[in-house]
Amino acid sequence: AFSFSHLAPGRYLLLARAVPENESADRPVRP
């Protein structure tokens, strides 16, 4: 399950990726 809000109206492309194993779950990630 995922959720997005505060989106500008318009056409969007969607994409999903597996999170790399070496990426920490403790700290925010740089977009």
PDB file of all heavy atoms in Angstrom:
ATOM      1  N   ALA A   1       0.832  -1.199   0.000  1.00  0.00           N
ATOM      2  CA  ALA A   1       0.000   0.000   0.000  1.00  0.00           C
ATOM      3  C   ALA A   1       0.872   1.256   0.000  1.00  0.00           C
ATOM      4  O   ALA A   1       1.891   1.321   0.677  1.00  0.00           O
ATOM      5  CB  ALA A   1      -0.928   0.003   1.204  1.00  0.00           C
ATOM      6  N   PHE A   2       0.464   2.264  -0.780  1.00  0.00           N
ATOM      7  CA  PHE A   2       1.188   3.532  -0.842  1.00  0.00           C
ATOM      8  C   PHE A   2       0.188   4.678  -0.902  1.00  0.00           C
ATOM      9  O   PHE A   2      -1.001   4.482  -1.194  1.00  0.00           O
ATOM     10  CB  PHE A   2       2.116   3.578  -2.065  1.00  0.00           C
ATOM     11  CG  PHE A   2       1.409   3.437  -3.386  1.00  0.00           C
ATOM     12  CD1 PHE A   2       0.902   4.554  -4.044  1.00  0.00           C
ATOM     13  CD2 PHE A   2       1.247   2.187  -3.976  1.00  0.00           C
ATOM     14  CE1 PHE A   2       0.241   4.433  -5.264  1.00  0.00           C
ATOM     15  CE2 PHE A   2       0.585   2.058  -5.193  1.00  0.00           C
ATOM     16  CZ  PHE A   2       0.085   3.180  -5.835  1.00  0.00           C
ATOM     17  N   SER A   3       0.681   5.880  -0.628  1.00  0.00           N
ATOM     18  CA  SER A   3      -0.206   7.040  -0.576  1.00  0.00           C
ATOM     19  C   SER A   3       0.549   8.303  -0.955  1.00  0.00           C
ATOM     20  O   SER A   3       1.694   8.502  -0.510  1.00  0.00           O
ATOM     21  CB  SER A   3      -0.806   7.186   0.830  1.00  0.00           C
ATOM     22  OG  SER A   3      -1.588   8.346   0.933  1.00  0.00           O
ATOM     23  N   PHE A   4      -0.081   9.152  -1.772  1.00  0.00           N
ATOM     24  CA  PHE A   4       0.459  10.454  -2.147  1.00  0.00           C
ATOM     25  C   PHE A   4      -0.615  11.515  -1.930  1.00  0.00           C
ATOM     26  O   PHE A   4      -1.802  11.279  -2.196  1.00  0.00           O
ATOM     27  CB  PHE A   4       0.874  10.488  -3.624  1.00  0.00           C
ATOM     28  CG  PHE A   4       2.026   9.599  -3.966  1.00  0.00           C
ATOM     29  CD1 PHE A   4       1.806   8.328  -4.468  1.00  0.00           C
ATOM     30  CD2 PHE A   4       3.334  10.040  -3.811  1.00  0.00           C
ATOM     31  CE1 PHE A   4       2.864   7.497  -4.809  1.00  0.00           C
ATOM     32  CE2 PHE A   4       4.402   9.223  -4.138  1.00  0.00           C
ATOM     33  CZ  PHE A   4       4.174   7.952  -4.638  1.00  0.00           C
ATOM     34  N   SER A   5      -0.193  12.689  -1.476  1.00  0.00           N
ATOM     35  CA  SER A   5      -1.121  13.818  -1.321  1.00  0.00           C
ATOM     36  C   SER A   5      -0.416  15.091  -1.771  1.00  0.00           C
ATOM     37  O   SER A   5       0.770  15.081  -2.103  1.00  0.00           O
ATOM     38  CB  SER A   5      -1.595  13.945   0.128  1.00  0.00           C
ATOM     39  OG  SER A   5      -0.491  14.154   1.004  1.00  0.00           O
ATOM     40  N   HIS A   6      -1.167  16.186  -1.792  1.00  0.00           N
ATOM     41  CA  HIS A   6      -0.628  17.490  -2.198  1.00  0.00           C
ATOM     42  C   HIS A   6      -0.039  17.443  -3.605  1.00  0.00           C
ATOM     43  O   HIS A   6       0.996  18.040  -3.886  1.00  0.00           O
ATOM     44  CB  HIS A   6       0.436  17.979  -1.206  1.00  0.00           C
ATOM     45  CG  HIS A   6      -0.047  18.093   0.198  1.00  0.00           C
ATOM     46  ND1 HIS A   6      -0.925  19.065   0.621  1.00  0.00           N
ATOM     47  CD2 HIS A   6       0.233  17.341   1.293  1.00  0.00           C
ATOM     48  CE1 HIS A   6      -1.163  18.926   1.916  1.00  0.00           C
ATOM     49  NE2 HIS A   6      -0.476  17.880   2.346  1.00  0.00           N
ATOM     50  N   LEU A   7      -0.700  16.724  -4.520  1.00  0.00           N
ATOM     51  CA  LEU A   7      -0.202  16.574  -5.885  1.00  0.00           C
ATOM     52  C   LEU A   7      -0.780  17.645  -6.802  1.00  0.00           C
ATOM     53  O   LEU A   7      -1.980  17.930  -6.760  1.00  0.00           O
ATOM     54  CB  LEU A   7      -0.564  15.190  -6.431  1.00  0.00           C
ATOM     55  CG  LEU A   7       0.012  13.982  -5.693  1.00  0.00           C
ATOM     56  CD1 LEU A   7      -0.550  12.694  -6.276  1.00  0.00           C
ATOM     57  CD2 LEU A   7       1.539  13.981  -5.758  1.00  0.00           C
ATOM     58  N   ALA A   8       0.063  18.198  -7.649  1.00  0.00           N
ATOM     59  CA  ALA A   8      -0.413  19.140  -8.660  1.00  0.00           C
ATOM     60  C   ALA A   8      -1.227  18.378  -9.695  1.00  0.00           C
ATOM     61  O   ALA A   8      -0.878  17.251 -10.070  1.00  0.00           O
ATOM     62  CB  ALA A   8       0.767  19.838  -9.325  1.00  0.00           C
ATOM     63  N   PRO A   9      -2.326  18.933 -10.184  1.00  0.00           N
ATOM     64  CA  PRO A   9      -3.092  18.261 -11.242  1.00  0.00           C
ATOM     65  C   PRO A   9      -2.211  18.059 -12.475  1.00  0.00           C
ATOM     66  O   PRO A   9      -1.321  18.861 -12.766  1.00  0.00           O
ATOM     67  CB  PRO A   9      -4.233  19.242 -11.528  1.00  0.00           C
ATOM     68  CG  PRO A   9      -4.325  20.099 -10.306  1.00  0.00           C
ATOM     69  CD  PRO A   9      -2.921  20.207  -9.780  1.00  0.00           C
ATOM     70  N   GLY A  10      -2.469  16.980 -13.215  1.00  0.00           N
ATOM     71  CA  GLY A  10      -1.700  16.713 -14.420  1.00  0.00           C
ATOM     72  C   GLY A  10      -1.531  15.229 -14.667  1.00  0.00           C
ATOM     73  O   GLY A  10      -2.050  14.383 -13.929  1.00  0.00           O
ATOM     74  N   ARG A  11      -0.780  14.879 -15.715  1.00  0.00           N
ATOM     75  CA  ARG A  11      -0.518  13.493 -16.072  1.00  0.00           C
ATOM     76  C   ARG A  11       0.794  13.048 -15.414  1.00  0.00           C
ATOM     77  O   ARG A  11       1.773  13.790 -15.391  1.00  0.00           O
ATOM     78  CB  ARG A  11      -0.431  13.316 -17.587  1.00  0.00           C
ATOM     79  CG  ARG A  11      -1.761  13.491 -18.303  1.00  0.00           C
ATOM     80  CD  ARG A  11      -1.626  13.271 -19.802  1.00  0.00           C
ATOM     81  NE  ARG A  11      -1.182  11.915 -20.107  1.00  0.00           N
ATOM     82  CZ  ARG A  11      -0.011  11.605 -20.653  1.00  0.00           C
ATOM     83  NH1 ARG A  11       0.857  12.577 -20.932  1.00  0.00           N
ATOM     84  NH2 ARG A  11       0.313  10.356 -20.909  1.00  0.00           N
ATOM     85  N   TYR A  12       0.771  11.820 -14.914  1.00  0.00           N
ATOM     86  CA  TYR A  12       1.933  11.288 -14.205  1.00  0.00           C
ATOM     87  C   TYR A  12       2.310   9.914 -14.739  1.00  0.00           C
ATOM     88  O   TYR A  12       1.458   9.128 -15.186  1.00  0.00           O
ATOM     89  CB  TYR A  12       1.640  11.168 -12.703  1.00  0.00           C
ATOM     90  CG  TYR A  12       1.585  12.485 -11.978  1.00  0.00           C
ATOM     91  CD1 TYR A  12       0.389  13.191 -11.884  1.00  0.00           C
ATOM     92  CD2 TYR A  12       2.725  13.021 -11.388  1.00  0.00           C
ATOM     93  CE1 TYR A  12       0.338  14.411 -11.216  1.00  0.00           C
ATOM     94  CE2 TYR A  12       2.685  14.232 -10.721  1.00  0.00           C
ATOM     95  CZ  TYR A  12       1.485  14.923 -10.636  1.00  0.00           C
ATOM     96  OH  TYR A  12       1.442  16.132  -9.983  1.00  0.00           O
ATOM     97  N   LEU A  13       3.590   9.617 -14.668  1.00  0.00           N
ATOM     98  CA  LEU A  13       4.118   8.276 -14.856  1.00  0.00           C
ATOM     99  C   LEU A  13       4.330   7.659 -13.477  1.00  0.00           C
ATOM    100  O   LEU A  13       4.726   8.349 -12.531  1.00  0.00           O
ATOM    101  CB  LEU A  13       5.450   8.323 -15.603  1.00  0.00           C
ATOM    102  CG  LEU A  13       5.428   8.857 -17.033  1.00  0.00           C
ATOM    103  CD1 LEU A  13       6.858   9.160 -17.492  1.00  0.00           C
ATOM    104  CD2 LEU A  13       4.786   7.854 -17.966  1.00  0.00           C
ATOM    105  N   LEU A  14       4.078   6.359 -13.363  1.00  0.00           N
ATOM    106  CA  LEU A  14       4.287   5.662 -12.096  1.00  0.00           C
ATOM    107  C   LEU A  14       5.390   4.630 -12.261  1.00  0.00           C
ATOM    108  O   LEU A  14       5.549   4.022 -13.321  1.00  0.00           O
ATOM    109  CB  LEU A  14       3.017   4.967 -11.629  1.00  0.00           C
ATOM    110  CG  LEU A  14       1.904   5.875 -11.117  1.00  0.00           C
ATOM    111  CD1 LEU A  14       0.908   6.158 -12.223  1.00  0.00           C
ATOM    112  CD2 LEU A  14       1.206   5.261  -9.916  1.00  0.00           C
ATOM    113  N   LEU A  15       6.124   4.424 -11.182  1.00  0.00           N
ATOM    114  CA  LEU A  15       7.239   3.484 -11.189  1.00  0.00           C
ATOM    115  C   LEU A  15       7.423   2.955  -9.775  1.00  0.00           C
ATOM    116  O   LEU A  15       7.220   3.679  -8.803  1.00  0.00           O
ATOM    117  CB  LEU A  15       8.518   4.189 -11.653  1.00  0.00           C
ATOM    118  CG  LEU A  15       9.772   3.333 -11.823  1.00  0.00           C
ATOM    119  CD1 LEU A  15       9.635   2.434 -13.049  1.00  0.00           C
ATOM    120  CD2 LEU A  15      10.998   4.226 -11.961  1.00  0.00           C
ATOM    121  N   ALA A  16       7.773   1.682  -9.674  1.00  0.00           N
ATOM    122  CA  ALA A  16       8.086   1.091  -8.369  1.00  0.00           C
ATOM    123  C   ALA A  16       9.466   0.466  -8.427  1.00  0.00           C
ATOM    124  O   ALA A  16       9.866  -0.100  -9.446  1.00  0.00           O
ATOM    125  CB  ALA A  16       7.054   0.049  -7.976  1.00  0.00           C
ATOM    126  N   ARG A  17      10.178   0.595  -7.320  1.00  0.00           N
ATOM    127  CA  ARG A  17      11.510   0.008  -7.207  1.00  0.00           C
ATOM    128  C   ARG A  17      11.653  -0.688  -5.867  1.00  0.00           C
ATOM    129  O   ARG A  17      11.122  -0.214  -4.850  1.00  0.00           O
ATOM    130  CB  ARG A  17      12.593   1.079  -7.295  1.00  0.00           C
ATOM    131  CG  ARG A  17      12.926   1.604  -8.673  1.00  0.00           C
ATOM    132  CD  ARG A  17      14.027   2.628  -8.550  1.00  0.00           C
ATOM    133  NE  ARG A  17      14.539   3.093  -9.827  1.00  0.00           N
ATOM    134  CZ  ARG A  17      15.501   3.986  -9.948  1.00  0.00           C
ATOM    135  NH1 ARG A  17      16.058   4.510  -8.853  1.00  0.00           N
ATOM    136  NH2 ARG A  17      15.921   4.373 -11.127  1.00  0.00           N
ATOM    137  N   ALA A  18      12.395  -1.767  -5.869  1.00  0.00           N
ATOM    138  CA  ALA A  18      12.782  -2.383  -4.600  1.00  0.00           C
ATOM    139  C   ALA A  18      13.828  -1.500  -3.943  1.00  0.00           C
ATOM    140  O   ALA A  18      14.732  -0.983  -4.605  1.00  0.00           O
ATOM    141  CB  ALA A  18      13.337  -3.779  -4.836  1.00  0.00           C
ATOM    142  N   VAL A  19      13.715  -1.298  -2.647  1.00  0.00           N
ATOM    143  CA  VAL A  19      14.678  -0.487  -1.913  1.00  0.00           C
ATOM    144  C   VAL A  19      15.970  -1.275  -1.742  1.00  0.00           C
ATOM    145  O   VAL A  19      15.935  -2.441  -1.327  1.00  0.00           O
ATOM    146  CB  VAL A  19      14.112  -0.085  -0.531  1.00  0.00           C
ATOM    147  CG1 VAL A  19      15.137   0.688   0.274  1.00  0.00           C
ATOM    148  CG2 VAL A  19      12.842   0.741  -0.705  1.00  0.00           C
ATOM    149  N   PRO A  20      17.117  -0.685  -2.070  1.00  0.00           N
ATOM    150  CA  PRO A  20      18.386  -1.409  -1.912  1.00  0.00           C
ATOM    151  C   PRO A  20      18.589  -1.879  -0.474  1.00  0.00           C
ATOM    152  O   PRO A  20      18.214  -1.188   0.486  1.00  0.00           O
ATOM    153  CB  PRO A  20      19.436  -0.359  -2.304  1.00  0.00           C
ATOM    154  CG  PRO A  20      18.708   0.613  -3.171  1.00  0.00           C
ATOM    155  CD  PRO A  20      17.310   0.663  -2.638  1.00  0.00           C
ATOM    156  N   GLU A  21      19.185  -3.047  -0.326  1.00  0.00           N
ATOM    157  CA  GLU A  21      19.388  -3.621   1.001  1.00  0.00           C
ATOM    158  C   GLU A  21      20.300  -2.761   1.865  1.00  0.00           C
ATOM    159  O   GLU A  21      20.179  -2.748   3.089  1.00  0.00           O
ATOM    160  CB  GLU A  21      19.956  -5.035   0.879  1.00  0.00           C
ATOM    161  CG  GLU A  21      18.996  -6.034   0.262  1.00  0.00           C
ATOM    162  CD  GLU A  21      19.570  -7.425   0.213  1.00  0.00           C
ATOM    163  OE1 GLU A  21      20.732  -7.604   0.648  1.00  0.00           O
ATOM    164  OE2 GLU A  21      18.869  -8.348  -0.257  1.00  0.00           O
ATOM    165  N   ASN A  22      21.234  -2.039   1.232  1.00  0.00           N
ATOM    166  CA  ASN A  22      22.179  -1.243   2.008  1.00  0.00           C
ATOM    167  C   ASN A  22      21.632   0.127   2.378  1.00  0.00           C
ATOM    168  O   ASN A  22      22.341   0.929   2.974  1.00  0.00           O
ATOM    169  CB  ASN A  22      23.499  -1.078   1.241  1.00  0.00           C
ATOM    170  CG  ASN A  22      23.307  -0.354  -0.091  1.00  0.00           C
ATOM    171  OD1 ASN A  22      22.177  -0.086  -0.503  1.00  0.00           O
ATOM    172  ND2 ASN A  22      24.409  -0.050  -0.749  1.00  0.00           N
ATOM    173  N   GLU A  23      20.390   0.417   2.028  1.00  0.00           N
ATOM    174  CA  GLU A  23      19.795   1.703   2.379  1.00  0.00           C
ATOM    175  C   GLU A  23      19.181   1.613   3.767  1.00  0.00           C
ATOM    176  O   GLU A  23      18.327   0.765   4.025  1.00  0.00           O
ATOM    177  CB  GLU A  23      18.725   2.106   1.363  1.00  0.00           C
ATOM    178  CG  GLU A  23      18.134   3.490   1.623  1.00  0.00           C
ATOM    179  CD  GLU A  23      17.138   3.892   0.548  1.00  0.00           C
ATOM    180  OE1 GLU A  23      17.579   4.086  -0.604  1.00  0.00           O
ATOM    181  OE2 GLU A  23      15.933   3.999   0.870  1.00  0.00           O
ATOM    182  N   SER A  24      19.619   2.472   4.673  1.00  0.00           N
ATOM    183  CA  SER A  24      19.153   2.433   6.050  1.00  0.00           C
ATOM    184  C   SER A  24      17.676   2.770   6.137  1.00  0.00           C
ATOM    185  O   SER A  24      17.182   3.648   5.425  1.00  0.00           O
ATOM    186  CB  SER A  24      19.963   3.420   6.905  1.00  0.00           C
ATOM    187  OG  SER A  24      19.408   3.534   8.198  1.00  0.00           O
ATOM    188  N   ALA A  25      16.980   2.066   7.021  1.00  0.00           N
ATOM    189  CA  ALA A  25      15.575   2.370   7.279  1.00  0.00           C
ATOM    190  C   ALA A  25      15.430   3.378   8.405  1.00  0.00           C
ATOM    191  O   ALA A  25      14.316   3.801   8.714  1.00  0.00           O
ATOM    192  CB  ALA A  25      14.821   1.081   7.638  1.00  0.00           C
ATOM    193  N   ASP A  26      16.556   3.784   9.014  1.00  0.00           N
ATOM    194  CA  ASP A  26      16.513   4.660  10.184  1.00  0.00           C
ATOM    195  C   ASP A  26      16.499   6.132   9.827  1.00  0.00           C
ATOM    196  O   ASP A  26      16.017   6.957  10.593  1.00  0.00           O
ATOM    197  CB  ASP A  26      17.726   4.402  11.093  1.00  0.00           C
ATOM    198  CG  ASP A  26      17.716   3.000  11.652  1.00  0.00           C
ATOM    199  OD1 ASP A  26      16.619   2.458  11.826  1.00  0.00           O
ATOM    200  OD2 ASP A  26      18.799   2.455  11.904  1.00  0.00           O
ATOM    201  N   ARG A  27      17.059   6.467   8.668  1.00  0.00           N
ATOM    202  CA  ARG A  27      17.252   7.882   8.357  1.00  0.00           C
ATOM    203  C   ARG A  27      16.489   8.272   7.104  1.00  0.00           C
ATOM    204  O   ARG A  27      16.293   7.451   6.199  1.00  0.00           O
ATOM    205  CB  ARG A  27      18.748   8.168   8.171  1.00  0.00           C
ATOM    206  CG  ARG A  27      19.542   7.954   9.435  1.00  0.00           C
ATOM    207  CD  ARG A  27      21.024   7.985   9.173  1.00  0.00           C
ATOM    208  NE  ARG A  27      21.468   9.280   8.663  1.00  0.00           N
ATOM    209  CZ  ARG A  27      22.757   9.573   8.457  1.00  0.00           C
ATOM    210  NH1 ARG A  27      23.676   8.681   8.699  1.00  0.00           N
ATOM    211  NH2 ARG A  27      23.100  10.761   8.009  1.00  0.00           N
ATOM    212  N   PRO A  28      16.051   9.537   7.027  1.00  0.00           N
ATOM    213  CA  PRO A  28      15.384   9.988   5.809  1.00  0.00           C
ATOM    214  C   PRO A  28      16.312   9.865   4.609  1.00  0.00           C
ATOM    215  O   PRO A  28      17.528   9.905   4.747  1.00  0.00           O
ATOM    216  CB  PRO A  28      15.071  11.472   6.109  1.00  0.00           C
ATOM    217  CG  PRO A  28      15.161  11.600   7.591  1.00  0.00           C
ATOM    218  CD  PRO A  28      16.169  10.594   8.037  1.00  0.00           C
ATOM    219  N   VAL A  29      15.719   9.705   3.445  1.00  0.00           N
ATOM    220  CA  VAL A  29      16.523   9.587   2.232  1.00  0.00           C
ATOM    221  C   VAL A  29      16.372  10.844   1.391  1.00  0.00           C
ATOM    222  O   VAL A  29      15.344  11.515   1.401  1.00  0.00           O
ATOM    223  CB  VAL A  29      16.106   8.356   1.403  1.00  0.00           C
ATOM    224  CG1 VAL A  29      16.439   7.074   2.143  1.00  0.00           C
ATOM    225  CG2 VAL A  29      14.627   8.403   1.050  1.00  0.00           C
ATOM    226  N   ARG A  30      17.431  11.162   0.677  1.00  0.00           N
ATOM    227  CA  ARG A  30      17.423  12.307  -0.222  1.00  0.00           C
ATOM    228  C   ARG A  30      16.592  11.955  -1.449  1.00  0.00           C
ATOM    229  O   ARG A  30      16.865  10.961  -2.123  1.00  0.00           O
ATOM    230  CB  ARG A  30      18.857  12.635  -0.624  1.00  0.00           C
ATOM    231  CG  ARG A  30      19.039  13.810  -1.568  1.00  0.00           C
ATOM    232  CD  ARG A  30      20.519  14.011  -1.819  1.00  0.00           C
ATOM    233  NE  ARG A  30      20.800  15.204  -2.604  1.00  0.00           N
ATOM    234  CZ  ARG A  30      21.019  15.202  -3.917  1.00  0.00           C
ATOM    235  NH1 ARG A  30      20.973  14.051  -4.576  1.00  0.00           N
ATOM    236  NH2 ARG A  30      21.279  16.327  -4.546  1.00  0.00           N
ATOM    237  N   PRO A  31      15.562  12.733  -1.789  1.00  0.00           N
ATOM    238  CA  PRO A  31      14.741  12.409  -2.956  1.00  0.00           C
ATOM    239  C   PRO A  31      15.582  12.265  -4.216  1.00  0.00           C
ATOM    240  O   PRO A  31      16.467  13.083  -4.490  1.00  0.00           O
ATOM    241  CB  PRO A  31      13.789  13.610  -3.054  1.00  0.00           C
ATOM    242  CG  PRO A  31      13.690  14.127  -1.655  1.00  0.00           C
ATOM    243  CD  PRO A  31      15.060  13.920  -1.072  1.00  0.00           C
TER     244      PRO A  31
END
